[in-house]
């Protein structure tokens, strides 16, 4: 309410595991959250339960680029920080993210945006006092983070509750 200032809106801040609204939503937005949870498949299953049949899920997830000639279903597990950010548990390739969704019973999985994260979108602002991506990339090789991991990509996915 602090930002929206719309009394007709009911706003709740919930952990993904605390979403106790079974069979309720037509559309769910999961933006910038999956890679911050220690159990992304568990969180996707909780979201699935909250959705009506045929409801859509829109995901924004940071991950790592395709590894090798084919997109292998792997996820990076940073030892500590990733791109100078804390609290990142799993950074998937697109294939790994697709498998997470399939195992959570989502169908019609469509990646509609898949690009390297840019310094224009990941930066410190008055709302987000975080390290900028420019500070987090290796100054000698912008395909890597300062920790030596692959630089982040951003994936947007649309899928349907199966």
Protein backbone atom coordinates (compact mmCIF):
# COMPACT_ATOMS: atom_id res chain seq x y z
CA UNK A 1 0.00 0.00 0.00
CA UNK A 2 2.93 2.33 0.57
CA UNK A 3 3.53 2.59 -3.19
CA UNK A 4 0.14 1.69 -4.65
CA UNK A 5 -1.99 3.73 -2.25
CA UNK A 6 -5.10 1.95 -3.47
CA UNK A 7 -7.30 0.96 -0.50
CA UNK A 8 -9.40 -1.35 -2.70
CA UNK A 9 -6.34 -3.57 -3.23
CA UNK A 10 -5.55 -6.22 -0.68
CA UNK A 11 -1.81 -6.80 -0.61
CA UNK A 12 -0.06 -9.62 1.21
CA UNK A 13 3.63 -10.39 1.36
CA UNK A 14 3.98 -14.15 1.46
CA UNK A 15 6.73 -16.67 1.16
CA UNK A 16 6.18 -18.95 -1.86
CA UNK A 17 5.62 -21.85 0.53
CA UNK A 18 2.91 -19.93 2.40
CA UNK A 19 0.51 -19.48 -0.53
CA UNK A 20 -2.65 -21.07 0.87
CA UNK A 21 -5.18 -20.15 -1.81
CA UNK A 22 -6.01 -23.45 -3.53
CA UNK A 23 -7.48 -23.33 -7.04
CA UNK A 24 -7.85 -19.53 -6.90
CA UNK A 25 -5.85 -17.63 -9.53
CA UNK A 26 -6.28 -17.26 -13.30
CA UNK A 27 -2.77 -15.82 -13.73
CA UNK A 28 0.24 -15.99 -11.41
CA UNK A 29 3.37 -13.88 -11.84
CA UNK A 30 6.57 -15.30 -10.36
CA UNK A 31 9.08 -12.55 -11.06
CA UNK A 32 12.65 -12.70 -9.87
CA UNK A 33 11.94 -15.30 -7.19
CA UNK A 34 12.74 -18.87 -8.32
CA UNK A 35 16.51 -18.54 -8.18
CA UNK A 36 16.25 -17.15 -4.63
CA UNK A 37 14.48 -20.22 -3.20
CA UNK A 38 16.28 -23.34 -1.94
CA UNK A 39 13.47 -25.51 -3.40
CA UNK A 40 12.34 -24.12 -6.77
CA UNK A 41 10.36 -27.24 -7.73
CA UNK A 42 8.57 -27.19 -4.38
CA UNK A 43 7.70 -23.54 -4.91
CA UNK A 44 6.39 -24.25 -8.42
CA UNK A 45 4.18 -27.01 -7.00
CA UNK A 46 2.76 -24.59 -4.42
CA UNK A 47 2.04 -22.08 -7.20
CA UNK A 48 0.41 -24.85 -9.28
CA UNK A 49 -1.95 -25.69 -6.40
CA UNK A 50 -2.96 -22.02 -6.12
CA UNK A 51 -3.98 -21.83 -9.79
CA UNK A 52 -7.24 -22.70 -11.49
CA UNK A 53 -7.15 -25.35 -14.23
CA UNK A 54 -5.71 -23.87 -17.46
CA UNK A 55 -4.42 -20.82 -15.55
CA UNK A 56 -1.23 -19.18 -16.79
CA UNK A 57 2.05 -18.80 -14.96
CA UNK A 58 4.47 -16.07 -16.05
CA UNK A 59 8.04 -16.47 -14.81
CA UNK A 60 11.02 -14.14 -14.82
CA UNK A 61 14.08 -16.13 -13.79
CA UNK A 62 17.76 -15.38 -13.90
CA UNK A 63 19.86 -18.29 -15.00
CA UNK A 64 22.97 -19.25 -16.87
CA UNK A 65 23.40 -19.57 -20.63
CA UNK A 66 23.14 -22.77 -22.60
CA UNK A 67 26.12 -24.96 -21.76
CA UNK A 68 27.83 -26.53 -24.78
CA UNK A 69 26.33 -27.43 -28.14
CA UNK A 70 23.06 -28.54 -26.59
CA UNK A 71 21.09 -27.04 -23.73
CA UNK A 72 21.92 -29.36 -20.88
CA UNK A 73 19.50 -29.43 -17.95
CA UNK A 74 21.87 -28.11 -15.30
CA UNK A 75 21.67 -25.41 -12.66
CA UNK A 76 24.55 -23.49 -11.15
CA UNK A 77 24.71 -23.66 -7.35
CA UNK A 78 26.92 -20.76 -6.22
CA UNK A 79 29.16 -21.43 -3.23
CA UNK A 80 28.28 -18.06 -1.70
CA UNK A 81 27.58 -14.92 -3.71
CA UNK A 82 26.68 -14.84 -7.39
CA UNK A 83 27.33 -11.59 -9.27
CA UNK A 84 27.93 -10.00 -5.85
CA UNK A 85 24.41 -10.96 -4.80
CA UNK A 86 23.52 -13.16 -1.85
CA UNK A 87 20.63 -15.56 -1.48
CA UNK A 88 20.81 -17.14 -4.92
CA UNK A 89 20.41 -20.91 -4.71
CA UNK A 90 19.97 -22.30 -8.23
CA UNK A 91 20.58 -20.57 -11.57
CA UNK A 92 19.17 -22.87 -14.26
CA UNK A 93 19.83 -23.28 -17.95
CA UNK A 94 16.61 -23.07 -20.01
CA UNK A 95 16.50 -26.89 -20.20
CA UNK A 96 16.69 -27.18 -16.41
CA UNK A 97 13.94 -24.57 -15.95
CA UNK A 98 11.76 -26.47 -18.46
CA UNK A 99 12.24 -29.72 -16.50
CA UNK A 100 11.36 -27.97 -13.22
CA UNK A 101 8.10 -26.80 -14.85
CA UNK A 102 7.32 -30.19 -16.40
CA UNK A 103 7.92 -31.97 -13.07
CA UNK A 104 5.55 -29.46 -11.45
CA UNK A 105 2.84 -30.43 -13.99
CA UNK A 106 2.93 -27.28 -16.12
CA UNK A 107 2.30 -27.61 -19.87
CA UNK A 108 2.52 -25.46 -23.00
CA UNK A 109 5.88 -24.11 -21.81
CA UNK A 110 7.02 -21.18 -23.94
CA UNK A 111 10.22 -19.21 -23.47
CA UNK A 112 9.32 -15.81 -24.88
CA UNK A 113 12.46 -13.95 -23.83
CA UNK A 114 15.97 -15.30 -23.43
CA UNK A 115 18.82 -12.79 -23.33
CA UNK A 116 21.98 -11.96 -21.46
CA UNK A 117 21.20 -9.70 -18.49
CA UNK A 118 22.24 -6.11 -19.23
CA UNK A 119 23.74 -3.39 -17.10
CA UNK A 120 20.73 -1.19 -18.02
CA UNK A 121 18.30 -3.48 -16.21
CA UNK A 122 20.39 -4.71 -13.29
CA UNK A 123 21.56 -1.63 -11.44
CA UNK A 124 21.34 0.10 -8.12
CA UNK A 125 18.31 2.41 -7.74
CA UNK A 126 16.56 4.22 -4.92
CA UNK A 127 14.23 1.19 -4.64
CA UNK A 128 16.95 -1.46 -4.89
CA UNK A 129 20.19 -0.79 -3.08
CA UNK A 130 22.05 -3.66 -4.71
CA UNK A 131 25.37 -3.95 -6.51
CA UNK A 132 25.03 -3.09 -10.19
CA UNK A 133 25.72 -5.75 -12.78
CA UNK A 134 28.59 -3.62 -14.10
CA UNK A 135 30.31 -4.04 -10.72
CA UNK A 136 29.54 -7.77 -10.65
CA UNK A 137 31.03 -8.76 -14.00
CA UNK A 138 34.67 -9.67 -14.49
CA UNK A 139 36.30 -6.50 -15.90
CA UNK A 140 38.45 -8.64 -18.23
CA UNK A 141 35.65 -10.95 -19.45
CA UNK A 142 32.00 -9.85 -19.30
CA UNK A 143 30.83 -13.43 -19.95
CA UNK A 144 31.79 -14.19 -16.33
CA UNK A 145 30.95 -12.79 -12.92
CA UNK A 146 33.65 -11.54 -10.56
CA UNK A 147 33.34 -14.92 -8.81
CA UNK A 148 34.20 -16.71 -12.08
CA UNK A 149 30.69 -18.06 -12.81
CA UNK A 150 28.90 -17.64 -16.16
CA UNK A 151 27.31 -14.17 -16.45
CA UNK A 152 23.55 -14.11 -15.78
CA UNK A 153 20.85 -14.41 -18.39
CA UNK A 154 17.19 -13.51 -17.99
CA UNK A 155 14.46 -15.93 -19.04
CA UNK A 156 10.77 -15.17 -19.36
CA UNK A 157 8.47 -18.15 -19.58
CA UNK A 158 4.74 -18.55 -20.04
CA UNK A 159 3.11 -21.88 -19.22
CA UNK A 160 -0.25 -23.36 -18.32
CA UNK A 161 -1.34 -25.42 -15.35
CA UNK A 162 -1.69 -28.99 -16.60
